[in-house]
N, C-alpha and C. Protein backbone atom coordinates (compact mmCIF):
# COMPACT_ATOMS: atom_id res chain seq x y z
N MET A 1 -20.60 -92.49 16.14
CA MET A 1 -20.53 -91.82 17.43
C MET A 1 -20.03 -92.83 18.46
N GLU A 2 -19.06 -92.40 19.28
CA GLU A 2 -18.49 -93.26 20.29
C GLU A 2 -19.49 -93.49 21.43
N PRO A 3 -19.45 -94.67 22.07
CA PRO A 3 -20.32 -94.90 23.22
C PRO A 3 -19.94 -93.99 24.38
N VAL A 4 -20.91 -93.66 25.23
CA VAL A 4 -20.70 -92.79 26.38
C VAL A 4 -20.53 -93.65 27.62
N ILE A 5 -19.49 -93.38 28.39
CA ILE A 5 -19.34 -94.03 29.69
C ILE A 5 -19.24 -92.94 30.75
N GLY A 6 -19.40 -93.32 32.00
CA GLY A 6 -19.45 -92.32 33.07
C GLY A 6 -20.87 -91.83 33.18
N GLY A 7 -21.05 -90.71 33.85
CA GLY A 7 -22.39 -90.17 33.88
C GLY A 7 -22.82 -89.79 35.27
N PRO A 8 -24.06 -89.46 35.49
CA PRO A 8 -25.11 -89.45 34.47
C PRO A 8 -24.84 -88.36 33.44
N CYS A 9 -25.40 -88.54 32.27
CA CYS A 9 -25.11 -87.61 31.19
C CYS A 9 -26.38 -87.36 30.39
N GLU A 10 -27.00 -86.24 30.66
CA GLU A 10 -28.21 -85.87 29.93
C GLU A 10 -27.82 -85.16 28.64
N GLY A 11 -28.30 -85.64 27.53
CA GLY A 11 -28.03 -85.00 26.25
C GLY A 11 -26.62 -85.21 25.73
N CYS A 12 -26.00 -86.33 26.07
CA CYS A 12 -24.61 -86.56 25.64
C CYS A 12 -24.43 -86.56 24.13
N GLU A 13 -25.46 -86.87 23.39
CA GLU A 13 -25.33 -86.86 21.93
C GLU A 13 -24.97 -85.47 21.41
N ASN A 14 -25.29 -84.42 22.18
CA ASN A 14 -24.97 -83.05 21.77
C ASN A 14 -23.47 -82.78 21.72
N VAL A 15 -22.69 -83.60 22.38
CA VAL A 15 -21.23 -83.45 22.37
C VAL A 15 -20.70 -83.49 20.93
N PHE A 16 -21.35 -84.25 20.07
CA PHE A 16 -20.88 -84.47 18.72
C PHE A 16 -21.50 -83.53 17.69
N VAL A 17 -22.58 -82.84 18.05
CA VAL A 17 -23.25 -81.94 17.12
C VAL A 17 -22.40 -80.70 16.91
N GLY A 18 -21.96 -80.51 15.67
CA GLY A 18 -21.14 -79.35 15.35
C GLY A 18 -19.66 -79.52 15.62
N LEU A 19 -19.24 -80.72 15.98
CA LEU A 19 -17.83 -80.98 16.26
C LEU A 19 -16.99 -80.65 15.03
N PRO A 20 -16.09 -79.66 15.15
CA PRO A 20 -15.25 -79.29 13.99
C PRO A 20 -14.28 -80.41 13.61
N GLU A 21 -13.92 -80.46 12.34
CA GLU A 21 -12.95 -81.46 11.89
C GLU A 21 -11.54 -81.11 12.37
N LEU A 22 -11.20 -79.83 12.33
CA LEU A 22 -9.88 -79.38 12.75
C LEU A 22 -9.99 -78.69 14.10
N LEU A 23 -9.17 -79.14 15.05
CA LEU A 23 -9.19 -78.57 16.39
C LEU A 23 -7.77 -78.21 16.81
N GLU A 24 -7.66 -77.14 17.58
CA GLU A 24 -6.39 -76.73 18.17
C GLU A 24 -6.43 -77.09 19.66
N SER A 25 -5.33 -76.86 20.35
CA SER A 25 -5.29 -77.14 21.79
C SER A 25 -5.86 -75.97 22.60
N ARG A 26 -6.19 -74.86 21.93
CA ARG A 26 -6.79 -73.70 22.60
C ARG A 26 -8.01 -73.26 21.80
N ALA A 27 -9.09 -72.95 22.53
CA ALA A 27 -10.32 -72.49 21.88
C ALA A 27 -11.00 -71.44 22.74
N TRP A 28 -11.79 -70.59 22.09
CA TRP A 28 -12.59 -69.58 22.77
C TRP A 28 -14.03 -70.05 22.76
N ILE A 29 -14.61 -70.16 23.95
CA ILE A 29 -16.02 -70.54 24.07
C ILE A 29 -16.89 -69.31 23.86
N THR A 30 -16.43 -68.17 24.32
CA THR A 30 -17.18 -66.92 24.19
C THR A 30 -16.49 -66.00 23.22
N HIS A 31 -17.22 -64.99 22.78
CA HIS A 31 -16.63 -63.95 21.96
C HIS A 31 -16.30 -62.76 22.86
N ALA A 32 -15.55 -61.82 22.36
CA ALA A 32 -15.05 -60.70 23.17
C ALA A 32 -16.17 -59.86 23.79
N GLU A 33 -17.32 -59.81 23.17
CA GLU A 33 -18.42 -58.97 23.67
C GLU A 33 -19.30 -59.68 24.71
N GLU A 34 -19.03 -60.95 25.00
CA GLU A 34 -19.85 -61.70 25.96
C GLU A 34 -19.66 -61.12 27.36
N PRO A 35 -20.75 -60.66 28.00
CA PRO A 35 -20.60 -60.12 29.35
C PRO A 35 -20.27 -61.22 30.36
N GLY A 36 -19.45 -60.88 31.33
CA GLY A 36 -19.11 -61.83 32.38
C GLY A 36 -17.65 -61.73 32.76
N GLU A 37 -17.34 -62.40 33.85
CA GLU A 37 -15.97 -62.43 34.37
C GLU A 37 -15.12 -63.38 33.54
N PRO A 38 -14.00 -62.89 32.98
CA PRO A 38 -13.16 -63.78 32.17
C PRO A 38 -12.69 -65.00 32.97
N LEU A 39 -12.60 -66.11 32.29
CA LEU A 39 -12.22 -67.37 32.91
C LEU A 39 -11.36 -68.16 31.94
N ILE A 40 -10.29 -68.74 32.44
CA ILE A 40 -9.46 -69.65 31.66
C ILE A 40 -9.58 -71.03 32.29
N ILE A 41 -9.90 -72.00 31.47
CA ILE A 41 -9.95 -73.40 31.90
C ILE A 41 -8.83 -74.10 31.15
N GLU A 42 -7.89 -74.66 31.88
CA GLU A 42 -6.83 -75.40 31.21
C GLU A 42 -6.42 -76.59 32.05
N GLY A 43 -5.85 -77.55 31.38
CA GLY A 43 -5.44 -78.74 32.10
C GLY A 43 -4.63 -79.66 31.20
N THR A 44 -4.35 -80.82 31.75
CA THR A 44 -3.61 -81.84 31.03
C THR A 44 -4.39 -83.15 31.14
N VAL A 45 -4.59 -83.80 30.02
CA VAL A 45 -5.23 -85.11 30.00
C VAL A 45 -4.13 -86.16 30.06
N ARG A 46 -4.31 -87.12 30.95
CA ARG A 46 -3.31 -88.18 31.12
C ARG A 46 -3.98 -89.54 30.94
N SER A 47 -3.21 -90.49 30.48
CA SER A 47 -3.70 -91.86 30.35
C SER A 47 -3.64 -92.52 31.72
N ALA A 48 -4.15 -93.74 31.81
CA ALA A 48 -4.20 -94.45 33.09
C ALA A 48 -2.82 -94.62 33.72
N ASP A 49 -1.77 -94.72 32.91
CA ASP A 49 -0.42 -94.88 33.46
C ASP A 49 0.26 -93.55 33.80
N GLY A 50 -0.47 -92.44 33.62
CA GLY A 50 0.06 -91.13 33.99
C GLY A 50 0.77 -90.37 32.89
N THR A 51 0.93 -90.99 31.73
CA THR A 51 1.59 -90.29 30.62
C THR A 51 0.61 -89.32 29.96
N ALA A 52 1.17 -88.26 29.38
CA ALA A 52 0.36 -87.27 28.68
C ALA A 52 -0.39 -87.93 27.53
N ALA A 53 -1.65 -87.57 27.38
CA ALA A 53 -2.49 -88.14 26.32
C ALA A 53 -2.70 -87.09 25.23
N LYS A 54 -2.03 -87.27 24.09
CA LYS A 54 -2.18 -86.31 22.99
C LYS A 54 -3.35 -86.70 22.10
N ASP A 55 -3.86 -85.72 21.38
CA ASP A 55 -4.94 -85.90 20.41
C ASP A 55 -6.26 -86.36 21.02
N ILE A 56 -6.47 -86.03 22.28
CA ILE A 56 -7.75 -86.30 22.95
C ILE A 56 -8.60 -85.05 22.83
N ILE A 57 -9.89 -85.22 22.56
CA ILE A 57 -10.78 -84.07 22.43
C ILE A 57 -11.43 -83.78 23.79
N VAL A 58 -11.38 -82.52 24.19
CA VAL A 58 -12.05 -82.07 25.41
C VAL A 58 -13.18 -81.14 24.97
N TYR A 59 -14.36 -81.38 25.49
CA TYR A 59 -15.56 -80.58 25.17
C TYR A 59 -16.05 -79.94 26.45
N ALA A 60 -16.43 -78.67 26.37
CA ALA A 60 -16.95 -77.95 27.53
C ALA A 60 -18.14 -77.09 27.11
N TYR A 61 -19.11 -76.96 28.01
CA TYR A 61 -20.21 -76.03 27.78
C TYR A 61 -20.74 -75.53 29.10
N HIS A 62 -21.37 -74.34 29.06
CA HIS A 62 -21.88 -73.73 30.28
C HIS A 62 -22.89 -72.64 29.98
N THR A 63 -23.49 -72.11 31.04
CA THR A 63 -24.46 -71.03 30.92
C THR A 63 -23.74 -69.70 30.70
N ASP A 64 -24.53 -68.67 30.39
CA ASP A 64 -23.97 -67.33 30.32
C ASP A 64 -23.87 -66.77 31.74
N ALA A 65 -23.46 -65.52 31.88
CA ALA A 65 -23.28 -64.93 33.20
C ALA A 65 -24.59 -64.83 33.99
N GLY A 66 -25.71 -64.85 33.28
CA GLY A 66 -27.02 -64.82 33.94
C GLY A 66 -27.56 -66.18 34.30
N GLY A 67 -26.82 -67.25 34.01
CA GLY A 67 -27.25 -68.59 34.38
C GLY A 67 -28.13 -69.29 33.38
N VAL A 68 -28.18 -68.77 32.15
CA VAL A 68 -29.05 -69.32 31.11
C VAL A 68 -28.18 -69.89 29.99
N TYR A 69 -28.61 -71.02 29.42
CA TYR A 69 -27.94 -71.56 28.24
C TYR A 69 -28.47 -70.76 27.04
N PRO A 70 -27.66 -69.85 26.49
CA PRO A 70 -28.15 -69.04 25.37
C PRO A 70 -28.42 -69.92 24.16
N PRO A 71 -29.47 -69.62 23.41
CA PRO A 71 -29.85 -70.47 22.28
C PRO A 71 -28.67 -70.76 21.35
N GLY A 72 -28.63 -72.01 20.91
CA GLY A 72 -27.60 -72.47 19.98
C GLY A 72 -28.16 -73.61 19.17
N THR A 73 -27.30 -74.42 18.61
CA THR A 73 -27.73 -75.53 17.77
C THR A 73 -28.20 -76.74 18.56
N THR A 74 -27.92 -76.77 19.88
CA THR A 74 -28.36 -77.87 20.74
C THR A 74 -28.84 -77.31 22.07
N ALA A 75 -29.33 -78.18 22.93
CA ALA A 75 -29.74 -77.77 24.28
C ALA A 75 -28.56 -77.29 25.11
N HIS A 76 -27.34 -77.59 24.67
CA HIS A 76 -26.15 -77.10 25.38
C HIS A 76 -25.94 -75.61 25.16
N GLY A 77 -26.68 -75.01 24.25
CA GLY A 77 -26.56 -73.58 24.00
C GLY A 77 -25.38 -73.23 23.12
N ARG A 78 -25.08 -71.94 23.02
CA ARG A 78 -24.00 -71.50 22.14
C ARG A 78 -22.67 -71.36 22.85
N LEU A 79 -22.63 -71.42 24.18
CA LEU A 79 -21.37 -71.29 24.92
C LEU A 79 -20.79 -72.68 25.11
N ARG A 80 -20.14 -73.16 24.06
CA ARG A 80 -19.60 -74.51 24.04
C ARG A 80 -18.39 -74.53 23.13
N GLY A 81 -17.51 -75.49 23.36
CA GLY A 81 -16.34 -75.57 22.52
C GLY A 81 -15.59 -76.87 22.68
N TRP A 82 -14.69 -77.11 21.74
CA TRP A 82 -13.87 -78.31 21.69
C TRP A 82 -12.41 -77.92 21.52
N VAL A 83 -11.53 -78.70 22.08
CA VAL A 83 -10.09 -78.58 21.85
C VAL A 83 -9.54 -79.99 21.67
N ARG A 84 -8.34 -80.06 21.08
CA ARG A 84 -7.63 -81.33 20.96
C ARG A 84 -6.32 -81.17 21.71
N THR A 85 -6.02 -82.08 22.62
CA THR A 85 -4.80 -81.95 23.41
C THR A 85 -3.57 -81.98 22.53
N ASP A 86 -2.56 -81.20 22.95
CA ASP A 86 -1.30 -81.16 22.21
C ASP A 86 -0.42 -82.35 22.61
N THR A 87 0.82 -82.36 22.17
CA THR A 87 1.71 -83.51 22.43
C THR A 87 1.99 -83.71 23.92
N SER A 88 1.80 -82.66 24.73
CA SER A 88 1.99 -82.81 26.18
C SER A 88 0.66 -83.02 26.91
N GLY A 89 -0.42 -83.27 26.15
CA GLY A 89 -1.74 -83.52 26.75
C GLY A 89 -2.45 -82.26 27.22
N HIS A 90 -1.91 -81.09 26.93
CA HIS A 90 -2.44 -79.82 27.42
C HIS A 90 -3.57 -79.28 26.54
N TYR A 91 -4.51 -78.59 27.19
CA TYR A 91 -5.60 -77.90 26.49
C TYR A 91 -5.94 -76.62 27.23
N ARG A 92 -6.65 -75.70 26.55
CA ARG A 92 -7.07 -74.44 27.18
C ARG A 92 -8.33 -73.92 26.50
N PHE A 93 -9.27 -73.46 27.36
CA PHE A 93 -10.46 -72.75 26.91
C PHE A 93 -10.42 -71.35 27.49
N ASP A 94 -10.72 -70.35 26.69
CA ASP A 94 -10.93 -68.98 27.16
C ASP A 94 -12.43 -68.73 27.12
N THR A 95 -12.99 -68.27 28.23
CA THR A 95 -14.43 -68.13 28.32
C THR A 95 -14.78 -67.13 29.42
N ILE A 96 -15.98 -67.24 29.96
CA ILE A 96 -16.42 -66.45 31.11
C ILE A 96 -16.89 -67.40 32.20
N ARG A 97 -16.94 -66.90 33.41
CA ARG A 97 -17.49 -67.70 34.51
C ARG A 97 -19.00 -67.78 34.33
N PRO A 98 -19.54 -68.99 34.36
CA PRO A 98 -20.99 -69.13 34.19
C PRO A 98 -21.75 -68.68 35.42
N GLY A 99 -22.99 -68.27 35.20
CA GLY A 99 -23.86 -67.94 36.32
C GLY A 99 -24.62 -69.17 36.78
N ALA A 100 -25.17 -69.08 37.99
CA ALA A 100 -26.03 -70.15 38.51
C ALA A 100 -27.39 -70.07 37.85
N TYR A 101 -28.07 -71.21 37.76
CA TYR A 101 -29.42 -71.22 37.19
C TYR A 101 -30.31 -70.27 37.98
N PRO A 102 -31.04 -69.38 37.34
CA PRO A 102 -31.90 -68.44 38.08
C PRO A 102 -32.99 -69.17 38.87
N GLY A 103 -33.15 -68.77 40.12
CA GLY A 103 -34.21 -69.31 40.96
C GLY A 103 -34.01 -70.74 41.43
N ARG A 104 -32.80 -71.29 41.25
CA ARG A 104 -32.52 -72.66 41.68
C ARG A 104 -31.31 -72.67 42.58
N ASP A 105 -31.10 -73.76 43.28
CA ASP A 105 -29.97 -73.84 44.21
C ASP A 105 -28.81 -74.68 43.65
N VAL A 106 -28.68 -74.69 42.33
CA VAL A 106 -27.60 -75.43 41.67
C VAL A 106 -26.41 -74.48 41.53
N ALA A 107 -25.26 -74.92 42.02
CA ALA A 107 -24.05 -74.09 41.96
C ALA A 107 -23.60 -73.85 40.51
N GLN A 108 -22.85 -72.78 40.32
CA GLN A 108 -22.25 -72.49 39.01
C GLN A 108 -21.38 -73.67 38.60
N HIS A 109 -21.37 -73.96 37.30
CA HIS A 109 -20.60 -75.12 36.86
C HIS A 109 -20.32 -75.07 35.36
N VAL A 110 -19.30 -75.80 34.95
CA VAL A 110 -18.96 -76.00 33.55
C VAL A 110 -18.97 -77.50 33.31
N HIS A 111 -19.78 -77.95 32.36
CA HIS A 111 -19.83 -79.38 32.02
C HIS A 111 -18.61 -79.74 31.18
N MET A 112 -18.02 -80.90 31.48
CA MET A 112 -16.80 -81.33 30.79
C MET A 112 -16.94 -82.76 30.29
N HIS A 113 -16.44 -82.99 29.09
CA HIS A 113 -16.43 -84.32 28.48
C HIS A 113 -15.06 -84.57 27.86
N ILE A 114 -14.68 -85.81 27.80
CA ILE A 114 -13.47 -86.24 27.11
C ILE A 114 -13.90 -87.19 26.00
N ILE A 115 -13.36 -86.98 24.80
CA ILE A 115 -13.65 -87.86 23.67
C ILE A 115 -12.34 -88.48 23.22
N GLU A 116 -12.28 -89.81 23.27
CA GLU A 116 -11.14 -90.53 22.69
C GLU A 116 -11.59 -90.91 21.29
N PRO A 117 -11.10 -90.19 20.27
CA PRO A 117 -11.59 -90.44 18.91
C PRO A 117 -11.51 -91.92 18.51
N GLY A 118 -12.65 -92.40 17.99
CA GLY A 118 -12.72 -93.79 17.54
C GLY A 118 -12.92 -94.80 18.65
N ARG A 119 -13.00 -94.33 19.91
CA ARG A 119 -13.13 -95.28 21.03
C ARG A 119 -14.36 -95.00 21.87
N VAL A 120 -14.35 -93.91 22.64
CA VAL A 120 -15.39 -93.70 23.63
C VAL A 120 -15.41 -92.22 24.04
N THR A 121 -16.51 -91.78 24.63
CA THR A 121 -16.57 -90.45 25.23
C THR A 121 -16.94 -90.60 26.70
N TYR A 122 -16.35 -89.76 27.54
CA TYR A 122 -16.57 -89.80 28.98
C TYR A 122 -17.20 -88.49 29.42
N TYR A 123 -18.25 -88.57 30.19
CA TYR A 123 -18.73 -87.38 30.90
C TYR A 123 -17.94 -87.38 32.19
N ILE A 124 -17.14 -86.34 32.44
CA ILE A 124 -16.23 -86.37 33.58
C ILE A 124 -16.64 -85.45 34.72
N ASP A 125 -17.93 -85.14 34.82
CA ASP A 125 -18.43 -84.28 35.88
C ASP A 125 -18.28 -82.83 35.46
N SER A 126 -18.46 -81.94 36.40
CA SER A 126 -18.44 -80.51 36.11
C SER A 126 -17.39 -79.81 36.94
N ILE A 127 -16.88 -78.73 36.40
CA ILE A 127 -16.02 -77.84 37.18
C ILE A 127 -16.94 -76.98 38.02
N VAL A 128 -16.64 -76.86 39.30
CA VAL A 128 -17.38 -75.98 40.20
C VAL A 128 -16.41 -74.97 40.80
N PHE A 129 -16.92 -73.98 41.50
CA PHE A 129 -16.12 -72.87 41.99
C PHE A 129 -16.20 -72.81 43.52
N VAL A 130 -15.05 -72.87 44.17
CA VAL A 130 -15.02 -72.96 45.63
C VAL A 130 -15.65 -71.76 46.31
N ASP A 131 -15.68 -70.60 45.65
CA ASP A 131 -16.26 -69.41 46.29
C ASP A 131 -17.75 -69.23 45.98
N ASP A 132 -18.37 -70.19 45.33
CA ASP A 132 -19.79 -70.10 45.00
C ASP A 132 -20.62 -70.38 46.25
N PRO A 133 -21.44 -69.42 46.69
CA PRO A 133 -22.24 -69.65 47.91
C PRO A 133 -23.27 -70.78 47.77
N LEU A 134 -23.60 -71.16 46.54
CA LEU A 134 -24.53 -72.27 46.34
C LEU A 134 -23.87 -73.64 46.38
N LEU A 135 -22.56 -73.67 46.46
CA LEU A 135 -21.84 -74.95 46.50
C LEU A 135 -21.97 -75.54 47.90
N THR A 136 -22.73 -76.62 48.01
CA THR A 136 -22.98 -77.24 49.30
C THR A 136 -21.75 -77.99 49.81
N ALA A 137 -21.73 -78.25 51.11
CA ALA A 137 -20.63 -79.01 51.70
C ALA A 137 -20.53 -80.40 51.07
N GLU A 138 -21.67 -81.02 50.79
CA GLU A 138 -21.67 -82.34 50.16
C GLU A 138 -21.06 -82.29 48.76
N ARG A 139 -21.42 -81.28 47.98
CA ARG A 139 -20.88 -81.16 46.63
C ARG A 139 -19.38 -80.81 46.67
N ARG A 140 -18.96 -80.02 47.66
CA ARG A 140 -17.53 -79.72 47.82
C ARG A 140 -16.75 -81.00 48.06
N GLN A 141 -17.27 -81.84 48.94
CA GLN A 141 -16.62 -83.11 49.26
C GLN A 141 -16.56 -84.01 48.04
N GLN A 142 -17.66 -84.04 47.28
CA GLN A 142 -17.70 -84.85 46.05
C GLN A 142 -16.66 -84.34 45.05
N ALA A 143 -16.54 -83.03 44.90
CA ALA A 143 -15.53 -82.47 43.99
C ALA A 143 -14.12 -82.79 44.43
N ARG A 144 -13.87 -82.77 45.73
CA ARG A 144 -12.55 -83.11 46.24
C ARG A 144 -12.21 -84.56 45.94
N ARG A 145 -13.17 -85.47 46.15
CA ARG A 145 -12.94 -86.89 45.88
C ARG A 145 -12.64 -87.14 44.41
N SER A 146 -13.30 -86.41 43.52
CA SER A 146 -13.11 -86.65 42.09
C SER A 146 -11.77 -86.13 41.59
N THR A 147 -11.07 -85.30 42.36
CA THR A 147 -9.76 -84.80 41.93
C THR A 147 -8.60 -85.55 42.56
N GLN A 148 -8.90 -86.49 43.42
CA GLN A 148 -7.83 -87.25 44.10
C GLN A 148 -7.45 -88.48 43.33
């Protein structure tokens, strides 16, 4: 298992539990019957010099539409998936928009990790949604800084 850098990262060892041997650049986190608003997460992984990074594993997990991690093989629940970037560094997840934790003031989010096979794994923060009423001004600012 590669060392984890970045963080904080609670339960990072779960990133590797169930990791398939063969990965494509596109994966479905949910099945067709999963209730919720459809969501596509896609992006490009780049190296420090800005070139596309191929064969990098991207891992994502999130709650269901009700804000609960549905039971699965780890504490990350069953709404989780992995992709491997293609030659242009591109990846895509098809899923649903997660709900906020019930009874808490934590904004909706998708946890994201990058795995450089044989080297290291990075917890790279979470995707948040600008229209989420629980997204505080401080968290909005933090999200803006992390994308610059």
